[in-house]
Amino acid sequence: GRPARLAVVDEDGCIVEAGNDVAQTVWAIAITTYCTALL
C-alpha cells in the first residue's frame, strides 16, 4: 500500500526520469493510442 513512482531506466540500470511526469506521460500515451486505434 505504500506509494511508488514510475521511472524510465536505461539499459545500464540508471534512472533517467521518474515521478508524476513519467506516470502522466505514460497515461496520456496509453489513452491517445487507444483513441487513435478507435478512430
PDB file of all heavy atoms in Angstrom:
ATOM      1  N   GLY A   1       0.781  -1.230   0.000  1.00  0.00           N
ATOM      2  CA  GLY A   1       0.000   0.000   0.000  1.00  0.00           C
ATOM      3  C   GLY A   1       0.812   1.280   0.000  1.00  0.00           C
ATOM      4  O   GLY A   1       0.258   2.358  -0.176  1.00  0.00           O
ATOM      5  N   ARG A   2       2.124   1.186   0.212  1.00  0.00           N
ATOM      6  CA  ARG A   2       2.950   2.395   0.189  1.00  0.00           C
ATOM      7  C   ARG A   2       3.004   2.963  -1.226  1.00  0.00           C
ATOM      8  O   ARG A   2       3.003   2.214  -2.198  1.00  0.00           O
ATOM      9  CB  ARG A   2       4.370   2.091   0.669  1.00  0.00           C
ATOM     10  CG  ARG A   2       4.440   1.764   2.144  1.00  0.00           C
ATOM     11  CD  ARG A   2       5.872   1.498   2.589  1.00  0.00           C
ATOM     12  NE  ARG A   2       6.329   0.251   1.971  1.00  0.00           N
ATOM     13  CZ  ARG A   2       7.583   0.002   1.629  1.00  0.00           C
ATOM     14  NH1 ARG A   2       8.529   0.899   1.828  1.00  0.00           N
ATOM     15  NH2 ARG A   2       7.918  -1.158   1.088  1.00  0.00           N
ATOM     16  N   PRO A   3       3.062   4.293  -1.363  1.00  0.00           N
ATOM     17  CA  PRO A   3       3.141   4.896  -2.698  1.00  0.00           C
ATOM     18  C   PRO A   3       4.453   4.551  -3.390  1.00  0.00           C
ATOM     19  O   PRO A   3       5.476   4.329  -2.740  1.00  0.00           O
ATOM     20  CB  PRO A   3       3.050   6.395  -2.437  1.00  0.00           C
ATOM     21  CG  PRO A   3       3.178   6.595  -0.977  1.00  0.00           C
ATOM     22  CD  PRO A   3       3.021   5.281  -0.296  1.00  0.00           C
ATOM     23  N   ALA A   4       4.406   4.507  -4.706  1.00  0.00           N
ATOM     24  CA  ALA A   4       5.590   4.231  -5.519  1.00  0.00           C
ATOM     25  C   ALA A   4       5.562   5.169  -6.719  1.00  0.00           C
ATOM     26  O   ALA A   4       4.589   5.897  -6.928  1.00  0.00           O
ATOM     27  CB  ALA A   4       5.609   2.775  -5.968  1.00  0.00           C
ATOM     28  N   ARG A   5       6.638   5.165  -7.511  1.00  0.00           N
ATOM     29  CA  ARG A   5       6.721   6.027  -8.684  1.00  0.00           C
ATOM     30  C   ARG A   5       7.147   5.214  -9.894  1.00  0.00           C
ATOM     31  O   ARG A   5       7.894   4.246  -9.768  1.00  0.00           O
ATOM     32  CB  ARG A   5       7.746   7.139  -8.469  1.00  0.00           C
ATOM     33  CG  ARG A   5       7.412   8.042  -7.332  1.00  0.00           C
ATOM     34  CD  ARG A   5       8.375   9.186  -7.200  1.00  0.00           C
ATOM     35  NE  ARG A   5       9.746   8.708  -7.002  1.00  0.00           N
ATOM     36  CZ  ARG A   5      10.815   9.460  -7.163  1.00  0.00           C
ATOM     37  NH1 ARG A   5      10.694  10.711  -7.539  1.00  0.00           N
ATOM     38  NH2 ARG A   5      12.021   8.978  -6.941  1.00  0.00           N
ATOM     39  N   LEU A   6       6.684   5.628 -11.064  1.00  0.00           N
ATOM     40  CA  LEU A   6       7.169   5.038 -12.308  1.00  0.00           C
ATOM     41  C   LEU A   6       8.477   5.703 -12.687  1.00  0.00           C
ATOM     42  O   LEU A   6       8.706   6.872 -12.373  1.00  0.00           O
ATOM     43  CB  LEU A   6       6.159   5.253 -13.436  1.00  0.00           C
ATOM     44  CG  LEU A   6       4.891   4.419 -13.387  1.00  0.00           C
ATOM     45  CD1 LEU A   6       4.003   4.766 -14.584  1.00  0.00           C
ATOM     46  CD2 LEU A   6       5.194   2.944 -13.393  1.00  0.00           C
ATOM     47  N   ALA A   7       9.333   4.953 -13.384  1.00  0.00           N
ATOM     48  CA  ALA A   7      10.623   5.504 -13.803  1.00  0.00           C
ATOM     49  C   ALA A   7      10.993   4.974 -15.173  1.00  0.00           C
ATOM     50  O   ALA A   7      10.574   3.895 -15.577  1.00  0.00           O
ATOM     51  CB  ALA A   7      11.709   5.132 -12.793  1.00  0.00           C
ATOM     52  N   VAL A   8      11.817   5.745 -15.874  1.00  0.00           N
ATOM     53  CA  VAL A   8      12.448   5.312 -17.113  1.00  0.00           C
ATOM     54  C   VAL A   8      13.869   4.916 -16.728  1.00  0.00           C
ATOM     55  O   VAL A   8      14.609   5.720 -16.160  1.00  0.00           O
ATOM     56  CB  VAL A   8      12.457   6.440 -18.164  1.00  0.00           C
ATOM     57  CG1 VAL A   8      13.200   5.994 -19.411  1.00  0.00           C
ATOM     58  CG2 VAL A   8      11.039   6.875 -18.488  1.00  0.00           C
ATOM     59  N   VAL A   9      14.217   3.670 -17.014  1.00  0.00           N
ATOM     60  CA  VAL A   9      15.519   3.140 -16.625  1.00  0.00           C
ATOM     61  C   VAL A   9      16.274   2.746 -17.884  1.00  0.00           C
ATOM     62  O   VAL A   9      15.738   2.020 -18.728  1.00  0.00           O
ATOM     63  CB  VAL A   9      15.353   1.914 -15.695  1.00  0.00           C
ATOM     64  CG1 VAL A   9      16.704   1.369 -15.262  1.00  0.00           C
ATOM     65  CG2 VAL A   9      14.490   2.276 -14.488  1.00  0.00           C
ATOM     66  N   ASP A  10      17.518   3.211 -18.023  1.00  0.00           N
ATOM     67  CA  ASP A  10      18.294   2.860 -19.214  1.00  0.00           C
ATOM     68  C   ASP A  10      18.850   1.440 -19.098  1.00  0.00           C
ATOM     69  O   ASP A  10      18.673   0.773 -18.072  1.00  0.00           O
ATOM     70  CB  ASP A  10      19.379   3.898 -19.515  1.00  0.00           C
ATOM     71  CG  ASP A  10      20.547   3.893 -18.537  1.00  0.00           C
ATOM     72  OD1 ASP A  10      20.682   2.944 -17.731  1.00  0.00           O
ATOM     73  OD2 ASP A  10      21.344   4.850 -18.585  1.00  0.00           O
ATOM     74  N   GLU A  11      19.494   0.974 -20.144  1.00  0.00           N
ATOM     75  CA  GLU A  11      19.963  -0.413 -20.185  1.00  0.00           C
ATOM     76  C   GLU A  11      21.044  -0.713 -19.146  1.00  0.00           C
ATOM     77  O   GLU A  11      21.299  -1.870 -18.828  1.00  0.00           O
ATOM     78  CB  GLU A  11      20.461  -0.779 -21.582  1.00  0.00           C
ATOM     79  CG  GLU A  11      21.618   0.059 -22.057  1.00  0.00           C
ATOM     80  CD  GLU A  11      21.972  -0.207 -23.503  1.00  0.00           C
ATOM     81  OE1 GLU A  11      21.128  -0.718 -24.257  1.00  0.00           O
ATOM     82  OE2 GLU A  11      23.107   0.101 -23.878  1.00  0.00           O
ATOM     83  N   ASP A  12      21.656   0.326 -18.572  1.00  0.00           N
ATOM     84  CA  ASP A  12      22.664   0.136 -17.519  1.00  0.00           C
ATOM     85  C   ASP A  12      22.055   0.168 -16.122  1.00  0.00           C
ATOM     86  O   ASP A  12      22.761   0.049 -15.125  1.00  0.00           O
ATOM     87  CB  ASP A  12      23.745   1.217 -17.620  1.00  0.00           C
ATOM     88  CG  ASP A  12      24.520   1.128 -18.928  1.00  0.00           C
ATOM     89  OD1 ASP A  12      24.766   0.000 -19.398  1.00  0.00           O
ATOM     90  OD2 ASP A  12      24.860   2.197 -19.473  1.00  0.00           O
ATOM     91  N   GLY A  13      20.736   0.348 -16.051  1.00  0.00           N
ATOM     92  CA  GLY A  13      20.058   0.374 -14.764  1.00  0.00           C
ATOM     93  C   GLY A  13      19.993   1.746 -14.118  1.00  0.00           C
ATOM     94  O   GLY A  13      19.573   1.871 -12.971  1.00  0.00           O
ATOM     95  N   CYS A  14      20.394   2.776 -14.837  1.00  0.00           N
ATOM     96  CA  CYS A  14      20.347   4.144 -14.302  1.00  0.00           C
ATOM     97  C   CYS A  14      18.959   4.750 -14.530  1.00  0.00           C
ATOM     98  O   CYS A  14      18.398   4.631 -15.618  1.00  0.00           O
ATOM     99  CB  CYS A  14      21.393   5.025 -14.981  1.00  0.00           C
ATOM    100  SG  CYS A  14      23.083   4.491 -14.691  1.00  0.00           S
ATOM    101  N   ILE A  15      18.425   5.384 -13.499  1.00  0.00           N
ATOM    102  CA  ILE A  15      17.134   6.056 -13.627  1.00  0.00           C
ATOM    103  C   ILE A  15      17.344   7.361 -14.379  1.00  0.00           C
ATOM    104  O   ILE A  15      18.108   8.222 -13.952  1.00  0.00           O
ATOM    105  CB  ILE A  15      16.506   6.308 -12.250  1.00  0.00           C
ATOM    106  CG1 ILE A  15      16.227   4.974 -11.559  1.00  0.00           C
ATOM    107  CG2 ILE A  15      15.236   7.150 -12.384  1.00  0.00           C
ATOM    108  CD1 ILE A  15      15.744   5.109 -10.141  1.00  0.00           C
ATOM    109  N   VAL A  16      16.672   7.479 -15.522  1.00  0.00           N
ATOM    110  CA  VAL A  16      16.794   8.661 -16.372  1.00  0.00           C
ATOM    111  C   VAL A  16      15.753   9.710 -15.988  1.00  0.00           C
ATOM    112  O   VAL A  16      16.035  10.893 -15.944  1.00  0.00           O
ATOM    113  CB  VAL A  16      16.657   8.261 -17.863  1.00  0.00           C
ATOM    114  CG1 VAL A  16      16.739   9.467 -18.763  1.00  0.00           C
ATOM    115  CG2 VAL A  16      17.701   7.224 -18.226  1.00  0.00           C
ATOM    116  N   GLU A  17      14.527   9.260 -15.733  1.00  0.00           N
ATOM    117  CA  GLU A  17      13.432  10.132 -15.309  1.00  0.00           C
ATOM    118  C   GLU A  17      12.530   9.316 -14.397  1.00  0.00           C
ATOM    119  O   GLU A  17      12.418   8.112 -14.557  1.00  0.00           O
ATOM    120  CB  GLU A  17      12.611  10.629 -16.496  1.00  0.00           C
ATOM    121  CG  GLU A  17      13.351  11.547 -17.435  1.00  0.00           C
ATOM    122  CD  GLU A  17      12.457  12.087 -18.528  1.00  0.00           C
ATOM    123  OE1 GLU A  17      11.644  12.982 -18.225  1.00  0.00           O
ATOM    124  OE2 GLU A  17      12.592  11.624 -19.663  1.00  0.00           O
ATOM    125  N   ALA A  18      11.888  10.001 -13.456  1.00  0.00           N
ATOM    126  CA  ALA A  18      10.973   9.297 -12.550  1.00  0.00           C
ATOM    127  C   ALA A  18       9.937  10.273 -12.012  1.00  0.00           C
ATOM    128  O   ALA A  18      10.137  11.489 -12.045  1.00  0.00           O
ATOM    129  CB  ALA A  18      11.745   8.675 -11.391  1.00  0.00           C
ATOM    130  N   GLY A  19       8.836   9.730 -11.543  1.00  0.00           N
ATOM    131  CA  GLY A  19       7.849  10.543 -10.847  1.00  0.00           C
ATOM    132  C   GLY A  19       6.553  10.755 -11.591  1.00  0.00           C
ATOM    133  O   GLY A  19       6.215  10.036 -12.530  1.00  0.00           O
ATOM    134  N   ASN A  20       5.826  11.778 -11.140  1.00  0.00           N
ATOM    135  CA  ASN A  20       4.492  12.052 -11.678  1.00  0.00           C
ATOM    136  C   ASN A  20       4.501  12.381 -13.161  1.00  0.00           C
ATOM    137  O   ASN A  20       3.569  12.023 -13.881  1.00  0.00           O
ATOM    138  CB  ASN A  20       3.831  13.182 -10.892  1.00  0.00           C
ATOM    139  CG  ASN A  20       3.453  12.756  -9.491  1.00  0.00           C
ATOM    140  OD1 ASN A  20       3.261  11.580  -9.234  1.00  0.00           O
ATOM    141  ND2 ASN A  20       3.366  13.711  -8.597  1.00  0.00           N
ATOM    142  N   ASP A  21       5.537  13.085 -13.640  1.00  0.00           N
ATOM    143  CA  ASP A  21       5.596  13.414 -15.064  1.00  0.00           C
ATOM    144  C   ASP A  21       5.660  12.147 -15.916  1.00  0.00           C
ATOM    145  O   ASP A  21       5.008  12.060 -16.965  1.00  0.00           O
ATOM    146  CB  ASP A  21       6.805  14.296 -15.377  1.00  0.00           C
ATOM    147  CG  ASP A  21       6.643  15.716 -14.860  1.00  0.00           C
ATOM    148  OD1 ASP A  21       5.502  16.104 -14.521  1.00  0.00           O
ATOM    149  OD2 ASP A  21       7.652  16.429 -14.798  1.00  0.00           O
ATOM    150  N   VAL A  22       6.422  11.168 -15.475  1.00  0.00           N
ATOM    151  CA  VAL A  22       6.511   9.900 -16.213  1.00  0.00           C
ATOM    152  C   VAL A  22       5.154   9.200 -16.203  1.00  0.00           C
ATOM    153  O   VAL A  22       4.663   8.752 -17.240  1.00  0.00           O
ATOM    154  CB  VAL A  22       7.608   8.981 -15.631  1.00  0.00           C
ATOM    155  CG1 VAL A  22       7.577   7.605 -16.290  1.00  0.00           C
ATOM    156  CG2 VAL A  22       8.978   9.612 -15.780  1.00  0.00           C
ATOM    157  N   ALA A  23       4.519   9.130 -15.051  1.00  0.00           N
ATOM    158  CA  ALA A  23       3.208   8.473 -14.946  1.00  0.00           C
ATOM    159  C   ALA A  23       2.173   9.163 -15.822  1.00  0.00           C
ATOM    160  O   ALA A  23       1.419   8.502 -16.544  1.00  0.00           O
ATOM    161  CB  ALA A  23       2.750   8.450 -13.493  1.00  0.00           C
ATOM    162  N   GLN A  24       2.129  10.499 -15.777  1.00  0.00           N
ATOM    163  CA  GLN A  24       1.155  11.235 -16.587  1.00  0.00           C
ATOM    164  C   GLN A  24       1.419  11.056 -18.076  1.00  0.00           C
ATOM    165  O   GLN A  24       0.480  10.939 -18.868  1.00  0.00           O
ATOM    166  CB  GLN A  24       1.167  12.719 -16.216  1.00  0.00           C
ATOM    167  CG  GLN A  24       0.520  13.035 -14.888  1.00  0.00           C
ATOM    168  CD  GLN A  24      -0.943  12.644 -14.816  1.00  0.00           C
ATOM    169  OE1 GLN A  24      -1.346  12.036 -13.832  1.00  0.00           O
ATOM    170  NE2 GLN A  24      -1.742  12.964 -15.790  1.00  0.00           N
ATOM    171  N   THR A  25       2.682  11.014 -18.469  1.00  0.00           N
ATOM    172  CA  THR A  25       3.013  10.829 -19.881  1.00  0.00           C
ATOM    173  C   THR A  25       2.635   9.425 -20.350  1.00  0.00           C
ATOM    174  O   THR A  25       2.056   9.268 -21.431  1.00  0.00           O
ATOM    175  CB  THR A  25       4.510  11.098 -20.126  1.00  0.00           C
ATOM    176  OG1 THR A  25       4.783  12.454 -19.752  1.00  0.00           O
ATOM    177  CG2 THR A  25       4.885  10.899 -21.583  1.00  0.00           C
ATOM    178  N   VAL A  26       2.927   8.430 -19.560  1.00  0.00           N
ATOM    179  CA  VAL A  26       2.546   7.058 -19.913  1.00  0.00           C
ATOM    180  C   VAL A  26       1.028   6.954 -20.037  1.00  0.00           C
ATOM    181  O   VAL A  26       0.502   6.349 -20.976  1.00  0.00           O
ATOM    182  CB  VAL A  26       3.093   6.048 -18.884  1.00  0.00           C
ATOM    183  CG1 VAL A  26       2.491   4.662 -19.083  1.00  0.00           C
ATOM    184  CG2 VAL A  26       4.611   5.981 -18.958  1.00  0.00           C
ATOM    185  N   TRP A  27       0.320   7.574 -19.099  1.00  0.00           N
ATOM    186  CA  TRP A  27      -1.142   7.565 -19.140  1.00  0.00           C
ATOM    187  C   TRP A  27      -1.651   8.245 -20.413  1.00  0.00           C
ATOM    188  O   TRP A  27      -2.521   7.714 -21.111  1.00  0.00           O
ATOM    189  CB  TRP A  27      -1.693   8.272 -17.911  1.00  0.00           C
ATOM    190  CG  TRP A  27      -3.181   8.281 -17.815  1.00  0.00           C
ATOM    191  CD1 TRP A  27      -4.012   9.316 -18.094  1.00  0.00           C
ATOM    192  CD2 TRP A  27      -4.019   7.191 -17.426  1.00  0.00           C
ATOM    193  NE1 TRP A  27      -5.317   8.948 -17.898  1.00  0.00           N
ATOM    194  CE2 TRP A  27      -5.349   7.654 -17.489  1.00  0.00           C
ATOM    195  CE3 TRP A  27      -3.775   5.887 -17.027  1.00  0.00           C
ATOM    196  CZ2 TRP A  27      -6.425   6.844 -17.160  1.00  0.00           C
ATOM    197  CZ3 TRP A  27      -4.860   5.084 -16.712  1.00  0.00           C
ATOM    198  CH2 TRP A  27      -6.158   5.561 -16.775  1.00  0.00           C
ATOM    199  N   ALA A  28      -1.098   9.411 -20.739  1.00  0.00           N
ATOM    200  CA  ALA A  28      -1.529  10.153 -21.929  1.00  0.00           C
ATOM    201  C   ALA A  28      -1.248   9.360 -23.201  1.00  0.00           C
ATOM    202  O   ALA A  28      -2.089   9.319 -24.115  1.00  0.00           O
ATOM    203  CB  ALA A  28      -0.835  11.513 -21.981  1.00  0.00           C
ATOM    204  N   ILE A  29      -0.092   8.712 -23.276  1.00  0.00           N
ATOM    205  CA  ILE A  29       0.235   7.892 -24.444  1.00  0.00           C
ATOM    206  C   ILE A  29      -0.740   6.726 -24.560  1.00  0.00           C
ATOM    207  O   ILE A  29      -1.226   6.408 -25.654  1.00  0.00           O
ATOM    208  CB  ILE A  29       1.690   7.380 -24.373  1.00  0.00           C
ATOM    209  CG1 ILE A  29       2.665   8.546 -24.510  1.00  0.00           C
ATOM    210  CG2 ILE A  29       1.951   6.307 -25.423  1.00  0.00           C
ATOM    211  CD1 ILE A  29       2.720   9.183 -25.877  1.00  0.00           C
ATOM    212  N   ALA A  30      -1.056   6.082 -23.445  1.00  0.00           N
ATOM    213  CA  ALA A  30      -1.995   4.949 -23.473  1.00  0.00           C
ATOM    214  C   ALA A  30      -3.374   5.375 -23.955  1.00  0.00           C
ATOM    215  O   ALA A  30      -3.969   4.729 -24.832  1.00  0.00           O
ATOM    216  CB  ALA A  30      -2.085   4.309 -22.083  1.00  0.00           C
ATOM    217  N   ILE A  31      -3.889   6.463 -23.412  1.00  0.00           N
ATOM    218  CA  ILE A  31      -5.219   6.941 -23.802  1.00  0.00           C
ATOM    219  C   ILE A  31      -5.222   7.398 -25.255  1.00  0.00           C
ATOM    220  O   ILE A  31      -6.135   7.081 -26.026  1.00  0.00           O
ATOM    221  CB  ILE A  31      -5.685   8.077 -22.870  1.00  0.00           C
ATOM    222  CG1 ILE A  31      -5.821   7.577 -21.436  1.00  0.00           C
ATOM    223  CG2 ILE A  31      -6.977   8.704 -23.372  1.00  0.00           C
ATOM    224  CD1 ILE A  31      -6.795   6.432 -21.257  1.00  0.00           C
ATOM    225  N   THR A  32      -4.191   8.128 -25.667  1.00  0.00           N
ATOM    226  CA  THR A  32      -4.109   8.616 -27.043  1.00  0.00           C
ATOM    227  C   THR A  32      -3.982   7.458 -28.022  1.00  0.00           C
ATOM    228  O   THR A  32      -4.609   7.463 -29.091  1.00  0.00           O
ATOM    229  CB  THR A  32      -2.928   9.591 -27.200  1.00  0.00           C
ATOM    230  OG1 THR A  32      -3.088  10.650 -26.255  1.00  0.00           O
ATOM    231  CG2 THR A  32      -2.881  10.180 -28.599  1.00  0.00           C
ATOM    232  N   THR A  33      -3.196   6.451 -27.665  1.00  0.00           N
ATOM    233  CA  THR A  33      -3.065   5.267 -28.518  1.00  0.00           C
ATOM    234  C   THR A  33      -4.405   4.566 -28.670  1.00  0.00           C
ATOM    235  O   THR A  33      -4.795   4.167 -29.769  1.00  0.00           O
ATOM    236  CB  THR A  33      -2.017   4.299 -27.939  1.00  0.00           C
ATOM    237  OG1 THR A  33      -0.770   4.986 -27.829  1.00  0.00           O
ATOM    238  CG2 THR A  33      -1.847   3.075 -28.807  1.00  0.00           C
ATOM    239  N   TYR A  34      -5.132   4.425 -27.578  1.00  0.00           N
ATOM    240  CA  TYR A  34      -6.446   3.792 -27.614  1.00  0.00           C
ATOM    241  C   TYR A  34      -7.409   4.581 -28.501  1.00  0.00           C
ATOM    242  O   TYR A  34      -8.076   4.015 -29.375  1.00  0.00           O
ATOM    243  CB  TYR A  34      -7.005   3.679 -26.193  1.00  0.00           C
ATOM    244  CG  TYR A  34      -8.430   3.207 -26.140  1.00  0.00           C
ATOM    245  CD1 TYR A  34      -8.764   1.903 -26.471  1.00  0.00           C
ATOM    246  CD2 TYR A  34      -9.451   4.077 -25.774  1.00  0.00           C
ATOM    247  CE1 TYR A  34     -10.084   1.471 -26.430  1.00  0.00           C
ATOM    248  CE2 TYR A  34     -10.764   3.659 -25.728  1.00  0.00           C
ATOM    249  CZ  TYR A  34     -11.071   2.351 -26.065  1.00  0.00           C
ATOM    250  OH  TYR A  34     -12.376   1.937 -26.025  1.00  0.00           O
ATOM    251  N   CYS A  35      -7.463   5.891 -28.298  1.00  0.00           N
ATOM    252  CA  CYS A  35      -8.359   6.728 -29.108  1.00  0.00           C
ATOM    253  C   CYS A  35      -7.977   6.691 -30.583  1.00  0.00           C
ATOM    254  O   CYS A  35      -8.841   6.632 -31.459  1.00  0.00           O
ATOM    255  CB  CYS A  35      -8.353   8.163 -28.595  1.00  0.00           C
ATOM    256  SG  CYS A  35      -9.111   8.344 -26.971  1.00  0.00           S
ATOM    257  N   THR A  36      -6.680   6.712 -30.855  1.00  0.00           N
ATOM    258  CA  THR A  36      -6.201   6.640 -32.236  1.00  0.00           C
ATOM    259  C   THR A  36      -6.608   5.315 -32.876  1.00  0.00           C
ATOM    260  O   THR A  36      -7.022   5.274 -34.036  1.00  0.00           O
ATOM    261  CB  THR A  36      -4.671   6.811 -32.289  1.00  0.00           C
ATOM    262  OG1 THR A  36      -4.342   8.079 -31.726  1.00  0.00           O
ATOM    263  CG2 THR A  36      -4.153   6.752 -33.700  1.00  0.00           C
ATOM    264  N   ALA A  37      -6.513   4.236 -32.105  1.00  0.00           N
ATOM    265  CA  ALA A  37      -6.921   2.931 -32.624  1.00  0.00           C
ATOM    266  C   ALA A  37      -8.406   2.925 -32.964  1.00  0.00           C
ATOM    267  O   ALA A  37      -8.818   2.381 -33.990  1.00  0.00           O
ATOM    268  CB  ALA A  37      -6.605   1.833 -31.612  1.00  0.00           C
ATOM    269  N   LEU A  38      -9.213   3.537 -32.114  1.00  0.00           N
ATOM    270  CA  LEU A  38     -10.652   3.592 -32.381  1.00  0.00           C
ATOM    271  C   LEU A  38     -10.962   4.415 -33.628  1.00  0.00           C
ATOM    272  O   LEU A  38     -11.811   4.040 -34.435  1.00  0.00           O
ATOM    273  CB  LEU A  38     -11.392   4.192 -31.187  1.00  0.00           C
ATOM    274  CG  LEU A  38     -11.430   3.353 -29.918  1.00  0.00           C
ATOM    275  CD1 LEU A  38     -12.137   4.128 -28.808  1.00  0.00           C
ATOM    276  CD2 LEU A  38     -12.130   2.029 -30.156  1.00  0.00           C
ATOM    277  N   LEU A  39     -10.266   5.531 -33.773  1.00  0.00           N
ATOM    278  CA  LEU A  39     -10.551   6.431 -34.894  1.00  0.00           C
ATOM    279  C   LEU A  39      -9.928   5.989 -36.207  1.00  0.00           C
ATOM    280  O   LEU A  39     -10.499   6.197 -37.275  1.00  0.00           O
ATOM    281  CB  LEU A  39     -10.050   7.844 -34.565  1.00  0.00           C
ATOM    282  CG  LEU A  39     -10.771   8.550 -33.423  1.00  0.00           C
ATOM    283  CD1 LEU A  39     -10.041   9.833 -33.050  1.00  0.00           C
ATOM    284  CD2 LEU A  39     -12.206   8.848 -33.806  1.00  0.00           C
TER     285      LEU A  39
END
